[in-house]
C-alpha atoms as a PDB file:
ATOM      1  CA  MET A   1     -30.724 -48.714 -38.365  1.00  0.00           C
ATOM      2  CA  PRO A   2     -27.689 -46.281 -39.510  1.00  0.00           C
ATOM      3  CA  GLY A   3     -28.591 -45.931 -43.242  1.00  0.00           C
ATOM      4  CA  ARG A   4     -32.019 -44.546 -42.460  1.00  0.00           C
ATOM      5  CA  ILE A   5     -32.850 -40.438 -41.913  1.00  0.00           C
ATOM      6  CA  SER A   6     -35.279 -39.378 -39.994  1.00  0.00           C
ATOM      7  CA  THR A   7     -38.267 -37.015 -40.694  1.00  0.00           C
ATOM      8  CA  TYR A   8     -36.707 -34.356 -38.683  1.00  0.00           C
ATOM      9  CA  GLN A   9     -33.404 -34.791 -40.497  1.00  0.00           C
ATOM     10  CA  ARG A  10     -35.275 -34.874 -43.808  1.00  0.00           C
ATOM     11  CA  GLU A  11     -36.884 -31.761 -42.949  1.00  0.00           C
ATOM     12  CA  GLN A  12     -33.709 -30.042 -41.611  1.00  0.00           C
ATOM     13  CA  MET A  13     -32.018 -30.937 -45.048  1.00  0.00           C
ATOM     14  CA  SER A  14     -35.089 -29.414 -46.993  1.00  0.00           C
ATOM     15  CA  TYR A  15     -34.930 -26.107 -45.078  1.00  0.00           C
ATOM     16  CA  GLN A  16     -31.039 -26.020 -45.491  1.00  0.00           C
ATOM     17  CA  ALA A  17     -31.525 -26.478 -49.243  1.00  0.00           C
ATOM     18  CA  LYS A  18     -34.439 -23.774 -49.456  1.00  0.00           C
ATOM     19  CA  ARG A  19     -32.097 -21.571 -47.668  1.00  0.00           C
ATOM     20  CA  THR A  20     -29.083 -21.816 -49.810  1.00  0.00           C
ATOM     21  CA  GLN A  21     -31.402 -21.401 -52.801  1.00  0.00           C
ATOM     22  CA  ARG A  22     -32.822 -18.289 -51.478  1.00  0.00           C
ATOM     23  CA  GLY A  23     -29.079 -16.860 -50.549  1.00  0.00           C
ATOM     24  CA  GLN A  24     -28.177 -17.852 -54.127  1.00  0.00           C
ATOM     25  CA  GLY A  25     -31.046 -15.922 -55.642  1.00  0.00           C
ATOM     26  CA  MET A  26     -30.144 -13.038 -53.806  1.00  0.00           C
ATOM     27  CA  THR A  27     -26.623 -13.083 -54.491  1.00  0.00           C
ATOM     28  CA  GLU A  28     -27.455 -13.263 -58.234  1.00  0.00           C
ATOM     29  CA  TYR A  29     -29.981 -10.342 -57.845  1.00  0.00           C
ATOM     30  CA  VAL A  30     -27.157  -8.155 -56.274  1.00  0.00           C
ATOM     31  CA  ILE A  31     -24.961  -9.058 -59.110  1.00  0.00           C
ATOM     32  CA  ILE A  32     -27.575  -7.980 -61.861  1.00  0.00           C
ATOM     33  CA  VAL A  33     -28.312  -4.703 -59.981  1.00  0.00           C
ATOM     34  CA  ALA A  34     -24.680  -3.807 -59.662  1.00  0.00           C
ATOM     35  CA  LEU A  35     -24.286  -4.359 -63.480  1.00  0.00           C
ATOM     36  CA  VAL A  36     -27.239  -2.291 -64.215  1.00  0.00           C
ATOM     37  CA  ALA A  37     -25.987   0.518 -61.948  1.00  0.00           C
ATOM     38  CA  ILE A  38     -22.572   0.318 -63.849  1.00  0.00           C
ATOM     39  CA  GLY A  39     -24.192   0.612 -67.055  1.00  0.00           C
ATOM     40  CA  ALA A  40     -26.015   3.398 -65.960  1.00  0.00           C
ATOM     41  CA  ILE A  41     -23.208   5.062 -64.865  1.00  0.00           C
ATOM     42  CA  ALA A  42     -21.187   4.691 -67.981  1.00  0.00           C
ATOM     43  CA  VAL A  43     -24.073   5.812 -70.109  1.00  0.00           C
ATOM     44  CA  TYR A  44     -24.253   8.867 -68.028  1.00  0.00           C
ATOM     45  CA  GLN A  45     -20.603   9.566 -68.017  1.00  0.00           C
ATOM     46  CA  LEU A  46     -20.604   9.431 -71.900  1.00  0.00           C
ATOM     47  CA  PHE A  47     -23.961  11.316 -72.254  1.00  0.00           C
ATOM     48  CA  GLY A  48     -23.981  13.364 -69.200  1.00  0.00           C
ATOM     49  CA  ASP A  49     -23.240  16.828 -70.713  1.00  0.00           C
ATOM     50  CA  THR A  50     -25.989  16.077 -73.569  1.00  0.00           C
ATOM     51  CA  VAL A  51     -28.570  15.393 -71.058  1.00  0.00           C
ATOM     52  CA  ARG A  52     -27.763  18.322 -68.811  1.00  0.00           C
ATOM     53  CA  ASN A  53     -27.512  20.782 -71.738  1.00  0.00           C
ATOM     54  CA  GLN A  54     -30.920  19.565 -72.993  1.00  0.00           C
ATOM     55  CA  THR A  55     -32.572  19.958 -69.647  1.00  0.00           C
ATOM     56  CA  ALA A  56     -31.198  23.648 -69.463  1.00  0.00           C
ATOM     57  CA  ALA A  57     -32.536  24.162 -72.946  1.00  0.00           C
ATOM     58  CA  ILE A  58     -35.856  23.016 -71.875  1.00  0.00           C
ATOM     59  CA  ALA A  59     -35.837  24.896 -68.521  1.00  0.00           C
ATOM     60  CA  GLN A  60     -35.165  28.220 -70.283  1.00  0.00           C
ATOM     61  CA  GLU A  61     -37.689  27.802 -72.778  1.00  0.00           C
ATOM     62  CA  LEU A  62     -40.261  27.019 -70.260  1.00  0.00           C
ATOM     63  CA  ALA A  63     -39.249  30.043 -68.359  1.00  0.00           C
ATOM     64  CA  GLY A  64     -39.865  32.119 -71.548  1.00  0.00           C
ATOM     65  CA  THR A  65     -36.192  32.612 -72.690  1.00  0.00           C
ATOM     66  CA  ASN A  66     -34.410  31.577 -75.341  1.00  0.00           C
ATOM     67  CA  GLY A  67     -32.891  28.185 -75.072  1.00  0.00           C
ATOM     68  CA  THR A  68     -30.873  28.106 -78.240  1.00  0.00           C
ATOM     69  CA  GLY A  69     -27.481  28.494 -76.483  1.00  0.00           C
ATOM     70  CA  ALA A  70     -28.352  25.220 -74.470  1.00  0.00           C
ATOM     71  CA  ARG A  71     -29.380  23.359 -77.337  1.00  0.00           C
ATOM     72  CA  ASN A  72     -26.380  24.063 -79.170  1.00  0.00           C
ATOM     73  CA  SER A  73     -24.247  22.910 -76.371  1.00  0.00           C
ATOM     74  CA  ALA A  74     -26.490  19.976 -76.381  1.00  0.00           C
ATOM     75  CA  GLN A  75     -25.487  19.049 -79.750  1.00  0.00           C
ATOM     76  CA  THR A  76     -21.866  19.583 -79.379  1.00  0.00           C
ATOM     77  CA  ALA A  77     -21.813  17.310 -76.290  1.00  0.00           C
ATOM     78  CA  ALA A  78     -23.599  14.719 -78.307  1.00  0.00           C
ATOM     79  CA  ASN A  79     -21.237  14.753 -81.068  1.00  0.00           C
ATOM     80  CA  ALA A  80     -18.382  14.613 -78.657  1.00  0.00           C
ATOM     81  CA  ALA A  81     -19.919  11.780 -77.026  1.00  0.00           C
ATOM     82  CA  ALA A  82     -20.376  10.015 -80.466  1.00  0.00           C
ATOM     83  CA  THR A  83     -16.625  10.384 -81.281  1.00  0.00           C
ATOM     84  CA  ASP A  84     -15.549   9.303 -77.967  1.00  0.00           C
ATOM     85  CA  ALA A  85     -17.800   6.140 -78.287  1.00  0.00           C
ATOM     86  CA  GLY A  86     -16.277   5.353 -81.821  1.00  0.00           C
ATOM     87  CA  THR A  87     -12.473   5.459 -80.205  1.00  0.00           C
ATOM     88  CA  ASN A  88     -11.134   2.096 -78.900  1.00  0.00           C
ATOM     89  CA  HIS A  89     -10.083   2.718 -75.303  1.00  0.00           C
ATOM     90  CA  ASN A  90      -7.994  -0.209 -73.961  1.00  0.00           C
ATOM     91  CA  LEU A  91      -4.816  -0.808 -71.872  1.00  0.00           C
ATOM     92  CA  SER A  92      -2.597  -0.035 -74.862  1.00  0.00           C
ATOM     93  CA  ASN A  93      -3.571   3.260 -74.913  1.00  0.00           C
ATOM     94  CA  TYR A  94      -4.603   3.607 -71.182  1.00  0.00           C
ATOM     95  CA  THR A  95      -2.460   6.723 -70.489  1.00  0.00           C
ATOM     96  CA  ASN A  96      -4.091   8.466 -73.187  1.00  0.00           C
ATOM     97  CA  ASN A  97      -7.460   7.924 -71.652  1.00  0.00           C
ATOM     98  CA  VAL A  98      -6.491   9.605 -68.229  1.00  0.00           C
ATOM     99  CA  GLY A  99      -8.610  12.845 -68.215  1.00  0.00           C
ATOM    100  CA  ARG A 100     -10.461  12.431 -71.194  1.00  0.00           C
ATOM    101  CA  GLY A 101     -13.869  13.604 -69.552  1.00  0.00           C
ATOM    102  CA  SER A 102     -15.380  16.938 -70.510  1.00  0.00           C
ATOM    103  CA  ALA A 103     -14.315  20.187 -69.317  1.00  0.00           C
ATOM    104  CA  GLY A 104     -17.215  20.251 -66.956  1.00  0.00           C
ATOM    105  CA  ASP A 105     -16.869  16.956 -65.341  1.00  0.00           C
ATOM    106  CA  GLY A 106     -13.811  17.590 -63.466  1.00  0.00           C
ATOM    107  CA  GLY A 107     -11.753  15.582 -65.797  1.00  0.00           C
ATOM    108  CA  GLY A 108     -13.020  12.021 -65.408  1.00  0.00           C
ATOM    109  CA  GLY A 109     -13.688  11.519 -61.485  1.00  0.00           C
ATOM    110  CA  GLY A 110     -10.364  13.034 -60.020  1.00  0.00           C
ATOM    111  CA  GLY A 111     -11.801  15.835 -58.295  1.00  0.00           C
ATOM    112  CA  GLY A 112     -13.151  19.360 -58.738  1.00  0.00           C
ATOM    113  CA  GLY A 113     -12.536  21.580 -61.820  1.00  0.00           C
ATOM    114  CA  ASN A 114     -10.617  24.535 -60.453  1.00  0.00           C
END
């Protein structure tokens, strides 16, 4: 009979469906990981100077030296990041965004400082 499906064909179809679902799950996982990575890069770009300066202040204090300068630099970088976060960046002011990174990060990804 042409309308009947054999047990072997049924098992093959079930196997194919499971493989498709597994591939779909992996694709979704990769997309989520990529979005998390992009978010982490954006946060680090925004607050990177603050984190570096706070880490430097902690290291100086642990070494027994005065970490006030690094702590003050961290506060300045945090204030600059907060101001930058409140600024609306879009395509209408795109050319003003070029090189808006801090002085220590190479100008926002174009290369080295000097």
